[in-house]
Amino acid sequence: MISVRTIGAAACLALALAAFWGTYQHGRSTMNAEWQVRWSDRDAGDQQAWALAEVAEREKEQARQRSINKAIQDGQKIIDRAVADASDARADLSLRDEADRTARRAASSAGSHSCTAAASAAASRVALVLADVLKRADERAGDLAADADQGRGRGLMCEQTYDALSSWQVDPA
């Protein structure tokens, strides 16, 4: 039979094992809690760093967009100035008026010569054709100048936009 001492020793041993097991489980739960706090701190730090990086990238993006918008505005000013200059040039009829006056003078003076009527009619037609060619050449030159000025403005706008974008460093990550 089992003696009371044996039962008492087994009970003490069971109590000691239970105490050791309880201490072990308490140590594990304390260690897990410490690690959980560390992970939570790390995660919070990561989220804060991510938020700060996002704000910095948004600021960079907005600065890029502002520089692009400025380049577009500057280019549009050049284009608008070119359009206004072309409009002013079309409104200036001094060269065309002078060509018409010269043609009328040539036609009137051709009629006053005592040459043959055919020669004076030919001279007046030549003067009228010359005046018409001069007016058309002036109009075409104005159109080409307007196109060239607008193209220059668009080219400068493109160049400024490219310079604004290429001046920013892109992170390889």
N, C-alpha and C. Protein backbone atom coordinates (compact mmCIF):
# COMPACT_ATOMS: atom_id res chain seq x y z
N MET A 1 0.78 -1.15 0.00
CA MET A 1 0.00 0.00 0.00
C MET A 1 0.85 1.25 0.00
N ILE A 2 0.20 2.20 -0.42
CA ILE A 2 0.89 3.46 -0.54
C ILE A 2 0.74 4.18 0.78
N SER A 3 1.82 4.65 1.22
CA SER A 3 1.80 5.31 2.52
C SER A 3 1.42 6.78 2.36
N VAL A 4 1.11 7.34 3.43
CA VAL A 4 0.71 8.75 3.48
C VAL A 4 1.91 9.61 3.09
N ARG A 5 3.05 9.17 3.43
CA ARG A 5 4.26 9.92 3.06
C ARG A 5 4.43 9.95 1.57
N THR A 6 4.19 8.86 0.96
CA THR A 6 4.35 8.81 -0.49
C THR A 6 3.32 9.73 -1.14
N ILE A 7 2.13 9.69 -0.64
CA ILE A 7 1.08 10.57 -1.20
C ILE A 7 1.46 12.02 -0.94
N GLY A 8 1.95 12.31 0.24
CA GLY A 8 2.37 13.68 0.57
C GLY A 8 3.53 14.11 -0.30
N ALA A 9 4.48 13.20 -0.56
CA ALA A 9 5.62 13.54 -1.42
C ALA A 9 5.15 13.75 -2.84
N ALA A 10 4.22 12.91 -3.30
CA ALA A 10 3.70 13.08 -4.66
C ALA A 10 2.94 14.39 -4.76
N ALA A 11 2.19 14.73 -3.72
CA ALA A 11 1.45 15.99 -3.72
C ALA A 11 2.41 17.17 -3.74
N CYS A 12 3.49 17.08 -2.96
CA CYS A 12 4.50 18.16 -2.94
C CYS A 12 5.17 18.27 -4.29
N LEU A 13 5.49 17.12 -4.86
CA LEU A 13 6.11 17.13 -6.18
C LEU A 13 5.15 17.73 -7.21
N ALA A 14 3.88 17.37 -7.12
CA ALA A 14 2.88 17.91 -8.05
C ALA A 14 2.74 19.41 -7.85
N LEU A 15 2.76 19.86 -6.61
CA LEU A 15 2.68 21.30 -6.33
C LEU A 15 3.93 22.01 -6.86
N ALA A 16 5.08 21.41 -6.69
CA ALA A 16 6.32 22.03 -7.18
C ALA A 16 6.31 22.10 -8.69
N LEU A 17 5.88 20.99 -9.34
CA LEU A 17 5.78 21.01 -10.80
C LEU A 17 4.77 22.04 -11.27
N ALA A 18 3.63 22.14 -10.57
CA ALA A 18 2.61 23.13 -10.94
C ALA A 18 3.17 24.54 -10.76
N ALA A 19 3.95 24.75 -9.71
CA ALA A 19 4.54 26.08 -9.48
C ALA A 19 5.56 26.40 -10.57
N PHE A 20 6.40 25.41 -10.89
CA PHE A 20 7.36 25.63 -11.99
C PHE A 20 6.63 25.88 -13.31
N TRP A 21 5.60 25.08 -13.58
CA TRP A 21 4.84 25.26 -14.82
C TRP A 21 4.17 26.64 -14.85
N GLY A 22 3.62 27.07 -13.76
CA GLY A 22 2.99 28.40 -13.67
C GLY A 22 4.02 29.51 -13.89
N THR A 23 5.21 29.33 -13.27
CA THR A 23 6.28 30.32 -13.45
C THR A 23 6.71 30.34 -14.91
N TYR A 24 6.85 29.17 -15.52
CA TYR A 24 7.24 29.09 -16.93
C TYR A 24 6.20 29.78 -17.82
N GLN A 25 4.92 29.48 -17.58
CA GLN A 25 3.85 30.09 -18.39
C GLN A 25 3.79 31.60 -18.17
N HIS A 26 4.02 32.06 -16.97
CA HIS A 26 4.05 33.50 -16.70
C HIS A 26 5.21 34.15 -17.44
N GLY A 27 6.37 33.51 -17.44
CA GLY A 27 7.53 34.04 -18.18
C GLY A 27 7.24 34.11 -19.68
N ARG A 28 6.62 33.07 -20.21
CA ARG A 28 6.28 33.07 -21.64
C ARG A 28 5.29 34.17 -21.98
N SER A 29 4.27 34.34 -21.16
CA SER A 29 3.27 35.37 -21.44
C SER A 29 3.88 36.77 -21.29
N THR A 30 4.78 36.93 -20.33
CA THR A 30 5.46 38.23 -20.16
C THR A 30 6.35 38.51 -21.38
N MET A 31 7.09 37.47 -21.80
CA MET A 31 7.96 37.63 -22.97
C MET A 31 7.12 37.93 -24.21
N ASN A 32 6.01 37.23 -24.42
CA ASN A 32 5.14 37.48 -25.56
C ASN A 32 4.56 38.89 -25.51
N ALA A 33 4.21 39.35 -24.32
CA ALA A 33 3.68 40.71 -24.18
C ALA A 33 4.75 41.74 -24.53
N GLU A 34 5.99 41.49 -24.08
CA GLU A 34 7.09 42.42 -24.42
C GLU A 34 7.32 42.46 -25.93
N TRP A 35 7.34 41.29 -26.55
CA TRP A 35 7.53 41.25 -28.01
C TRP A 35 6.37 41.91 -28.75
N GLN A 36 5.16 41.69 -28.23
CA GLN A 36 4.00 42.33 -28.86
C GLN A 36 4.11 43.84 -28.77
N VAL A 37 4.57 44.36 -27.63
CA VAL A 37 4.77 45.82 -27.49
C VAL A 37 5.84 46.30 -28.46
N ARG A 38 6.93 45.54 -28.59
CA ARG A 38 7.99 45.92 -29.52
C ARG A 38 7.47 45.92 -30.97
N TRP A 39 6.73 44.89 -31.34
CA TRP A 39 6.18 44.83 -32.70
C TRP A 39 5.21 45.97 -32.96
N SER A 40 4.38 46.24 -31.96
CA SER A 40 3.42 47.34 -32.09
C SER A 40 4.15 48.68 -32.26
N ASP A 41 5.22 48.87 -31.46
CA ASP A 41 6.03 50.10 -31.59
C ASP A 41 6.66 50.19 -32.96
N ARG A 42 7.21 49.04 -33.43
CA ARG A 42 7.83 49.03 -34.76
C ARG A 42 6.80 49.32 -35.85
N ASP A 43 5.62 48.69 -35.74
CA ASP A 43 4.57 48.92 -36.72
C ASP A 43 4.12 50.39 -36.71
N ALA A 44 3.98 50.96 -35.53
CA ALA A 44 3.59 52.37 -35.43
C ALA A 44 4.67 53.27 -36.04
N GLY A 45 5.94 52.93 -35.78
CA GLY A 45 7.04 53.69 -36.38
C GLY A 45 7.05 53.57 -37.90
N ASP A 46 6.78 52.35 -38.39
CA ASP A 46 6.71 52.14 -39.84
C ASP A 46 5.57 52.95 -40.45
N GLN A 47 4.42 52.96 -39.79
CA GLN A 47 3.29 53.72 -40.30
C GLN A 47 3.59 55.22 -40.30
N GLN A 48 4.25 55.68 -39.25
CA GLN A 48 4.60 57.10 -39.18
C GLN A 48 5.62 57.44 -40.27
N ALA A 49 6.62 56.60 -40.46
CA ALA A 49 7.61 56.85 -41.51
C ALA A 49 6.95 56.81 -42.89
N TRP A 50 6.03 55.89 -43.09
CA TRP A 50 5.31 55.80 -44.36
C TRP A 50 4.50 57.07 -44.61
N ALA A 51 3.82 57.55 -43.56
CA ALA A 51 3.02 58.77 -43.69
C ALA A 51 3.91 59.97 -44.01
N LEU A 52 5.06 60.07 -43.34
CA LEU A 52 5.98 61.18 -43.61
C LEU A 52 6.54 61.10 -45.03
N ALA A 53 6.87 59.89 -45.46
CA ALA A 53 7.38 59.71 -46.82
C ALA A 53 6.31 60.06 -47.84
N GLU A 54 5.07 59.70 -47.55
CA GLU A 54 3.97 60.03 -48.46
C GLU A 54 3.78 61.54 -48.55
N VAL A 55 3.85 62.22 -47.43
CA VAL A 55 3.73 63.69 -47.43
C VAL A 55 4.87 64.31 -48.23
N ALA A 56 6.08 63.81 -48.03
CA ALA A 56 7.23 64.36 -48.77
C ALA A 56 7.08 64.13 -50.27
N GLU A 57 6.63 62.94 -50.65
CA GLU A 57 6.44 62.66 -52.08
C GLU A 57 5.33 63.51 -52.68
N ARG A 58 4.27 63.74 -51.92
CA ARG A 58 3.19 64.60 -52.41
C ARG A 58 3.68 66.04 -52.60
N GLU A 59 4.52 66.50 -51.67
CA GLU A 59 5.09 67.84 -51.81
C GLU A 59 5.96 67.93 -53.06
N LYS A 60 6.76 66.89 -53.30
CA LYS A 60 7.58 66.86 -54.52
C LYS A 60 6.70 66.88 -55.76
N GLU A 61 5.65 66.08 -55.73
CA GLU A 61 4.74 66.01 -56.88
C GLU A 61 4.08 67.37 -57.12
N GLN A 62 3.66 68.02 -56.04
CA GLN A 62 3.03 69.33 -56.19
C GLN A 62 4.04 70.36 -56.70
N ALA A 63 5.29 70.28 -56.24
CA ALA A 63 6.32 71.21 -56.74
C ALA A 63 6.56 70.97 -58.23
N ARG A 64 6.60 69.71 -58.65
CA ARG A 64 6.74 69.40 -60.08
C ARG A 64 5.58 69.97 -60.88
N GLN A 65 4.38 69.77 -60.35
CA GLN A 65 3.20 70.25 -61.06
C GLN A 65 3.20 71.78 -61.13
N ARG A 66 3.63 72.43 -60.05
CA ARG A 66 3.71 73.91 -60.09
C ARG A 66 4.71 74.37 -61.14
N SER A 67 5.84 73.70 -61.25
CA SER A 67 6.82 74.11 -62.25
C SER A 67 6.31 73.85 -63.66
N ILE A 68 5.57 72.75 -63.85
CA ILE A 68 4.96 72.48 -65.16
C ILE A 68 3.91 73.55 -65.48
N ASN A 69 3.07 73.87 -64.48
CA ASN A 69 2.04 74.89 -64.71
C ASN A 69 2.67 76.24 -65.05
N LYS A 70 3.79 76.59 -64.39
CA LYS A 70 4.46 77.85 -64.69
C LYS A 70 5.00 77.83 -66.11
N ALA A 71 5.58 76.72 -66.52
CA ALA A 71 6.10 76.61 -67.88
C ALA A 71 4.96 76.74 -68.90
N ILE A 72 3.82 76.14 -68.59
CA ILE A 72 2.67 76.24 -69.49
C ILE A 72 2.18 77.68 -69.56
N GLN A 73 2.12 78.34 -68.41
CA GLN A 73 1.66 79.74 -68.41
C GLN A 73 2.63 80.63 -69.19
N ASP A 74 3.93 80.42 -68.98
CA ASP A 74 4.92 81.22 -69.71
C ASP A 74 4.82 80.97 -71.21
N GLY A 75 4.67 79.71 -71.58
CA GLY A 75 4.54 79.36 -73.00
C GLY A 75 3.26 79.94 -73.59
N GLN A 76 2.18 79.90 -72.82
CA GLN A 76 0.92 80.45 -73.32
C GLN A 76 1.02 81.96 -73.49
N LYS A 77 1.77 82.63 -72.62
CA LYS A 77 1.98 84.07 -72.80
C LYS A 77 2.71 84.36 -74.10
N ILE A 78 3.72 83.54 -74.40
CA ILE A 78 4.47 83.73 -75.66
C ILE A 78 3.55 83.49 -76.85
N ILE A 79 2.73 82.44 -76.77
CA ILE A 79 1.81 82.14 -77.87
C ILE A 79 0.79 83.26 -78.03
N ASP A 80 0.24 83.73 -76.91
CA ASP A 80 -0.74 84.82 -76.97
C ASP A 80 -0.12 86.08 -77.56
N ARG A 81 1.13 86.36 -77.18
CA ARG A 81 1.83 87.51 -77.72
C ARG A 81 2.03 87.36 -79.23
N ALA A 82 2.37 86.15 -79.67
CA ALA A 82 2.55 85.89 -81.11
C ALA A 82 1.24 86.06 -81.86
N VAL A 83 0.14 85.59 -81.28
CA VAL A 83 -1.17 85.74 -81.92
C VAL A 83 -1.54 87.22 -82.01
N ALA A 84 -1.29 87.96 -80.94
CA ALA A 84 -1.59 89.40 -80.95
C ALA A 84 -0.72 90.13 -81.98
N ASP A 85 0.55 89.76 -82.04
CA ASP A 85 1.44 90.40 -83.04
C ASP A 85 0.98 90.08 -84.46
N ALA A 86 0.55 88.86 -84.70
CA ALA A 86 0.06 88.48 -86.03
C ALA A 86 -1.21 89.25 -86.36
N SER A 87 -2.07 89.42 -85.38
CA SER A 87 -3.30 90.18 -85.60
C SER A 87 -2.99 91.64 -85.90
N ASP A 88 -2.03 92.19 -85.16
CA ASP A 88 -1.61 93.57 -85.42
C ASP A 88 -1.01 93.70 -86.82
N ALA A 89 -0.24 92.71 -87.21
CA ALA A 89 0.39 92.76 -88.53
C ALA A 89 -0.67 92.67 -89.63
N ARG A 90 -1.71 91.85 -89.41
CA ARG A 90 -2.78 91.77 -90.41
C ARG A 90 -3.56 93.08 -90.47
N ALA A 91 -3.69 93.74 -89.33
CA ALA A 91 -4.43 95.00 -89.28
C ALA A 91 -3.64 96.13 -89.93
N ASP A 92 -2.31 96.01 -89.96
CA ASP A 92 -1.48 97.04 -90.57
C ASP A 92 -1.50 96.85 -92.08
N LEU A 93 -2.23 97.71 -92.74
CA LEU A 93 -2.41 97.59 -94.18
C LEU A 93 -1.51 98.56 -94.95
N SER A 94 -0.52 99.13 -94.30
CA SER A 94 0.30 100.16 -94.95
C SER A 94 1.01 99.62 -96.19
N LEU A 95 1.59 98.44 -96.13
CA LEU A 95 2.29 97.90 -97.29
C LEU A 95 1.31 97.59 -98.42
N ARG A 96 0.16 97.00 -98.04
CA ARG A 96 -0.84 96.69 -99.07
C ARG A 96 -1.42 97.97 -99.69
N ASP A 97 -1.66 98.96 -98.85
CA ASP A 97 -2.18 100.23 -99.38
C ASP A 97 -1.16 100.89 -100.30
N GLU A 98 0.10 100.82 -99.91
CA GLU A 98 1.15 101.40 -100.74
C GLU A 98 1.24 100.67 -102.08
N ALA A 99 1.09 99.34 -102.05
CA ALA A 99 1.11 98.58 -103.30
C ALA A 99 -0.07 98.97 -104.18
N ASP A 100 -1.25 99.17 -103.59
CA ASP A 100 -2.41 99.60 -104.37
C ASP A 100 -2.20 101.00 -104.95
N ARG A 101 -1.64 101.92 -104.17
CA ARG A 101 -1.38 103.28 -104.66
C ARG A 101 -0.39 103.25 -105.82
N THR A 102 0.65 102.42 -105.66
CA THR A 102 1.65 102.31 -106.72
C THR A 102 1.03 101.75 -107.99
N ALA A 103 0.17 100.75 -107.85
CA ALA A 103 -0.50 100.16 -109.01
C ALA A 103 -1.42 101.18 -109.67
N ARG A 104 -2.14 101.97 -108.89
CA ARG A 104 -3.02 102.99 -109.47
C ARG A 104 -2.21 104.07 -110.19
N ARG A 105 -1.08 104.46 -109.56
CA ARG A 105 -0.22 105.46 -110.21
C ARG A 105 0.33 104.94 -111.52
N ALA A 106 0.76 103.66 -111.50
CA ALA A 106 1.31 103.08 -112.73
C ALA A 106 0.25 102.99 -113.80
N ALA A 107 -0.97 102.64 -113.39
CA ALA A 107 -2.06 102.52 -114.36
C ALA A 107 -2.44 103.89 -114.91
N SER A 108 -2.47 104.90 -114.04
CA SER A 108 -2.85 106.23 -114.52
C SER A 108 -1.75 106.86 -115.37
N SER A 109 -0.51 106.60 -115.00
CA SER A 109 0.58 107.18 -115.80
C SER A 109 0.73 106.44 -117.12
N ALA A 110 0.35 105.15 -117.14
CA ALA A 110 0.44 104.41 -118.40
C ALA A 110 -0.57 104.94 -119.39
N GLY A 111 -1.69 105.42 -118.93
CA GLY A 111 -2.70 105.95 -119.83
C GLY A 111 -2.33 107.31 -120.36
N SER A 112 -1.45 108.03 -119.70
CA SER A 112 -1.10 109.38 -120.14
C SER A 112 0.00 109.38 -121.19
N HIS A 113 0.68 108.26 -121.38
CA HIS A 113 1.71 108.20 -122.42
C HIS A 113 1.06 108.17 -123.79
N SER A 114 1.76 108.64 -124.74
CA SER A 114 1.22 108.65 -126.11
C SER A 114 1.58 107.37 -126.84
N CYS A 115 2.01 106.34 -126.08
CA CYS A 115 2.33 105.05 -126.69
C CYS A 115 1.05 104.39 -127.16
N THR A 116 1.23 103.27 -127.69
CA THR A 116 0.06 102.55 -128.17
C THR A 116 -0.83 102.16 -127.01
N ALA A 117 -2.06 101.98 -127.26
CA ALA A 117 -3.03 101.63 -126.22
C ALA A 117 -2.74 100.27 -125.63
N ALA A 118 -2.26 99.34 -126.43
CA ALA A 118 -1.95 97.98 -125.94
C ALA A 118 -0.81 98.02 -124.95
N ALA A 119 0.19 98.84 -125.21
CA ALA A 119 1.35 98.92 -124.31
C ALA A 119 0.93 99.50 -122.97
N SER A 120 0.08 100.50 -123.00
CA SER A 120 -0.32 101.09 -121.73
C SER A 120 -1.24 100.16 -120.96
N ALA A 121 -2.07 99.39 -121.63
CA ALA A 121 -2.93 98.41 -120.96
C ALA A 121 -2.07 97.29 -120.36
N ALA A 122 -1.05 96.87 -121.07
CA ALA A 122 -0.16 95.83 -120.56
C ALA A 122 0.60 96.33 -119.34
N ALA A 123 1.04 97.58 -119.39
CA ALA A 123 1.79 98.13 -118.25
C ALA A 123 0.89 98.24 -117.03
N SER A 124 -0.35 98.62 -117.23
CA SER A 124 -1.25 98.72 -116.07
C SER A 124 -1.57 97.34 -115.51
N ARG A 125 -1.73 96.32 -116.37
CA ARG A 125 -1.97 94.96 -115.90
C ARG A 125 -0.76 94.44 -115.12
N VAL A 126 0.43 94.73 -115.59
CA VAL A 126 1.65 94.31 -114.89
C VAL A 126 1.70 94.95 -113.51
N ALA A 127 1.37 96.21 -113.44
CA ALA A 127 1.39 96.90 -112.14
C ALA A 127 0.36 96.30 -111.19
N LEU A 128 -0.82 95.99 -111.71
CA LEU A 128 -1.86 95.39 -110.86
C LEU A 128 -1.46 93.99 -110.40
N VAL A 129 -0.88 93.20 -111.29
CA VAL A 129 -0.43 91.86 -110.92
C VAL A 129 0.69 91.95 -109.88
N LEU A 130 1.61 92.86 -110.09
CA LEU A 130 2.71 93.04 -109.14
C LEU A 130 2.17 93.45 -107.77
N ALA A 131 1.22 94.36 -107.75
CA ALA A 131 0.63 94.78 -106.47
C ALA A 131 -0.08 93.60 -105.81
N ASP A 132 -0.81 92.80 -106.59
CA ASP A 132 -1.52 91.65 -106.04
C ASP A 132 -0.53 90.62 -105.49
N VAL A 133 0.55 90.36 -106.23
CA VAL A 133 1.58 89.42 -105.77
C VAL A 133 2.22 89.94 -104.49
N LEU A 134 2.48 91.22 -104.41
CA LEU A 134 3.09 91.81 -103.22
C LEU A 134 2.15 91.68 -102.02
N LYS A 135 0.87 91.92 -102.21
CA LYS A 135 -0.10 91.79 -101.11
C LYS A 135 -0.19 90.34 -100.64
N ARG A 136 -0.27 89.41 -101.57
CA ARG A 136 -0.35 87.99 -101.19
C ARG A 136 0.93 87.53 -100.48
N ALA A 137 2.06 88.00 -100.98
CA ALA A 137 3.34 87.63 -100.33
C ALA A 137 3.38 88.18 -98.91
N ASP A 138 2.88 89.40 -98.73
CA ASP A 138 2.86 90.00 -97.39
C ASP A 138 1.93 89.21 -96.46
N GLU A 139 0.75 88.83 -96.95
CA GLU A 139 -0.17 88.03 -96.14
C GLU A 139 0.44 86.68 -95.78
N ARG A 140 1.03 86.03 -96.76
CA ARG A 140 1.63 84.71 -96.51
C ARG A 140 2.80 84.82 -95.53
N ALA A 141 3.61 85.86 -95.70
CA ALA A 141 4.73 86.06 -94.77
C ALA A 141 4.21 86.29 -93.36
N GLY A 142 3.11 87.01 -93.22
CA GLY A 142 2.51 87.20 -91.90
C GLY A 142 2.03 85.90 -91.31
N ASP A 143 1.37 85.07 -92.13
CA ASP A 143 0.90 83.76 -91.65
C ASP A 143 2.06 82.88 -91.22
N LEU A 144 3.11 82.86 -92.03
CA LEU A 144 4.28 82.03 -91.69
C LEU A 144 4.96 82.55 -90.43
N ALA A 145 5.04 83.87 -90.28
CA ALA A 145 5.65 84.43 -89.08
C ALA A 145 4.82 84.09 -87.84
N ALA A 146 3.49 84.15 -87.98
CA ALA A 146 2.63 83.79 -86.84
C ALA A 146 2.81 82.32 -86.47
N ASP A 147 2.84 81.46 -87.48
CA ASP A 147 3.06 80.02 -87.20
C ASP A 147 4.42 79.79 -86.55
N ALA A 148 5.43 80.47 -87.04
CA ALA A 148 6.78 80.29 -86.48
C ALA A 148 6.84 80.79 -85.04
N ASP A 149 6.21 81.93 -84.77
CA ASP A 149 6.21 82.47 -83.41
C ASP A 149 5.45 81.54 -82.46
N GLN A 150 4.31 81.02 -82.90
CA GLN A 150 3.56 80.10 -82.05
C GLN A 150 4.32 78.80 -81.84
N GLY A 151 4.97 78.31 -82.89
CA GLY A 151 5.78 77.10 -82.76
C GLY A 151 6.94 77.30 -81.80
N ARG A 152 7.53 78.47 -81.86
CA ARG A 152 8.62 78.80 -80.93
C ARG A 152 8.10 78.80 -79.50
N GLY A 153 6.94 79.41 -79.30
CA GLY A 153 6.35 79.44 -77.95
C GLY A 153 6.05 78.04 -77.44
N ARG A 154 5.52 77.20 -78.31
CA ARG A 154 5.23 75.82 -77.89
C ARG A 154 6.52 75.05 -77.62
N GLY A 155 7.53 75.30 -78.42
CA GLY A 155 8.81 74.64 -78.20
C GLY A 155 9.45 75.06 -76.89
N LEU A 156 9.40 76.36 -76.60
CA LEU A 156 9.94 76.84 -75.32
C LEU A 156 9.16 76.26 -74.14
N MET A 157 7.85 76.18 -74.29
CA MET A 157 7.03 75.61 -73.23
C MET A 157 7.40 74.14 -73.00
N CYS A 158 7.58 73.41 -74.05
CA CYS A 158 7.96 72.00 -73.95
C CYS A 158 9.35 71.87 -73.31
N GLU A 159 10.26 72.72 -73.73
CA GLU A 159 11.62 72.67 -73.18
C GLU A 159 11.62 73.00 -71.70
N GLN A 160 10.86 74.03 -71.29
CA GLN A 160 10.80 74.39 -69.88
C GLN A 160 10.17 73.27 -69.05
N THR A 161 9.14 72.64 -69.60
CA THR A 161 8.50 71.54 -68.89
C THR A 161 9.46 70.36 -68.73
N TYR A 162 10.19 70.06 -69.79
CA TYR A 162 11.17 68.97 -69.73
C TYR A 162 12.25 69.31 -68.71
N ASP A 163 12.76 70.54 -68.74
CA ASP A 163 13.78 70.94 -67.78
C ASP A 163 13.26 70.86 -66.35
N ALA A 164 12.01 71.27 -66.16
CA ALA A 164 11.43 71.21 -64.81
C ALA A 164 11.32 69.77 -64.33
N LEU A 165 10.94 68.87 -65.22
CA LEU A 165 10.80 67.48 -64.80
C LEU A 165 12.15 66.78 -64.64
N SER A 166 13.08 67.09 -65.54
CA SER A 166 14.37 66.39 -65.47
C SER A 166 15.25 66.90 -64.35
N SER A 167 14.91 68.05 -63.77
CA SER A 167 15.72 68.56 -62.66
C SER A 167 15.42 67.81 -61.36
N TRP A 168 14.33 67.08 -61.32
CA TRP A 168 13.97 66.31 -60.12
C TRP A 168 14.65 64.96 -60.17
N GLN A 169 15.20 64.56 -59.02
CA GLN A 169 15.84 63.26 -58.91
C GLN A 169 14.78 62.21 -58.61
N VAL A 170 14.79 61.13 -59.32
CA VAL A 170 13.85 60.05 -59.10
C VAL A 170 14.54 58.96 -58.32
N ASP A 171 13.90 58.56 -57.24
CA ASP A 171 14.45 57.48 -56.41
C ASP A 171 14.29 56.15 -57.14
N PRO A 172 15.35 55.33 -57.20
CA PRO A 172 15.23 54.04 -57.89
C PRO A 172 14.36 53.03 -57.15
N ALA A 173 14.05 53.31 -55.90
CA ALA A 173 13.23 52.36 -55.11
C ALA A 173 11.83 52.49 -55.45
